[in-house]
Amino acid sequence: MTESVSLTVIGMKCGGCETNVTTKLKAIDGVLSVNASSKEKVVNVDFDAEKTNLDVITDAIIDAGFTVETS
């Protein structure tokens, strides 16, 4: 089952940051697509919920050196 999530990510300041986050997330089995925008401070992720979950995605972004804002 494919799910989509839009996360507010604090600390992305440039294209290099976008690439860093995108590379980390695409390495996760089950992540189908990633669109990171440093300008909007948003990362959109489509993923297979049978292979991964939001916690794994969030942990990967934190591991990349950024903060995921939760409401």
Protein backbone atom coordinates (compact mmCIF):
# COMPACT_ATOMS: atom_id res chain seq x y z
CA MET A 1 0.00 0.00 0.00
CA THR A 2 1.48 3.32 -1.08
CA GLU A 3 1.36 6.21 1.38
CA SER A 4 2.46 9.82 1.04
CA VAL A 5 3.75 12.14 3.73
CA SER A 6 4.81 15.78 3.73
CA LEU A 7 7.31 16.66 6.46
CA THR A 8 8.58 20.06 7.60
CA VAL A 9 12.36 19.77 7.81
CA ILE A 10 14.39 22.41 9.63
CA GLY A 11 18.00 23.04 8.65
CA MET A 12 17.94 22.51 4.88
CA LYS A 13 19.54 25.59 3.38
CA CYS A 14 20.67 24.64 -0.14
CA GLY A 15 20.57 22.15 -2.96
CA GLY A 16 23.28 20.12 -1.25
CA CYS A 17 21.02 19.69 1.76
CA GLU A 18 18.18 18.57 -0.51
CA THR A 19 20.49 16.03 -2.15
CA ASN A 20 21.68 14.76 1.23
CA VAL A 21 18.13 14.16 2.48
CA THR A 22 17.02 12.66 -0.83
CA THR A 23 19.97 10.25 -0.94
CA LYS A 24 19.36 9.08 2.65
CA LEU A 25 15.67 8.50 2.04
CA LYS A 26 16.05 6.75 -1.32
CA ALA A 27 18.39 4.25 0.36
CA ILE A 28 15.48 2.99 2.46
CA ASP A 29 13.77 -0.11 1.08
CA GLY A 30 10.20 0.86 0.31
CA VAL A 31 10.74 4.57 -0.40
CA LEU A 32 9.33 5.17 -3.87
CA SER A 33 9.96 8.88 -4.43
CA VAL A 34 11.36 11.90 -2.62
CA ASN A 35 10.97 15.61 -3.34
CA ALA A 36 12.94 17.90 -1.00
CA SER A 37 12.68 21.70 -1.09
CA SER A 38 15.05 23.78 1.03
CA LYS A 39 13.15 26.93 0.05
CA GLU A 40 9.86 25.57 1.39
CA LYS A 41 11.52 23.49 4.16
CA VAL A 42 9.45 20.50 3.06
CA VAL A 43 10.21 16.90 2.14
CA ASN A 44 7.50 14.92 0.36
CA VAL A 45 7.89 11.14 0.45
CA ASP A 46 5.90 8.38 -1.24
CA PHE A 47 6.54 4.98 0.30
CA ASP A 48 5.32 1.41 0.48
CA ALA A 49 3.80 1.07 3.95
CA GLU A 50 4.38 -2.68 3.89
CA LYS A 51 8.17 -2.14 3.67
CA THR A 52 8.82 1.00 5.75
CA ASN A 53 7.09 3.54 7.96
CA LEU A 54 7.13 7.15 9.07
CA ASP A 55 9.47 6.46 12.02
CA VAL A 56 12.16 5.02 9.72
CA ILE A 57 11.81 7.98 7.34
CA THR A 58 11.98 10.53 10.17
CA ASP A 59 15.02 8.80 11.71
CA ALA A 60 16.84 8.94 8.36
CA ILE A 61 16.25 12.68 8.07
CA ILE A 62 17.51 13.21 11.63
CA ASP A 63 20.52 10.99 10.86
CA ALA A 64 21.24 13.26 7.88
CA GLY A 65 21.61 16.16 10.35
CA PHE A 66 18.24 17.84 10.13
CA THR A 67 15.24 18.34 12.41
CA VAL A 68 11.75 17.12 11.57
CA GLU A 69 9.12 19.48 12.92
CA THR A 70 6.12 17.74 14.44
CA SER A 71 2.84 19.35 15.30
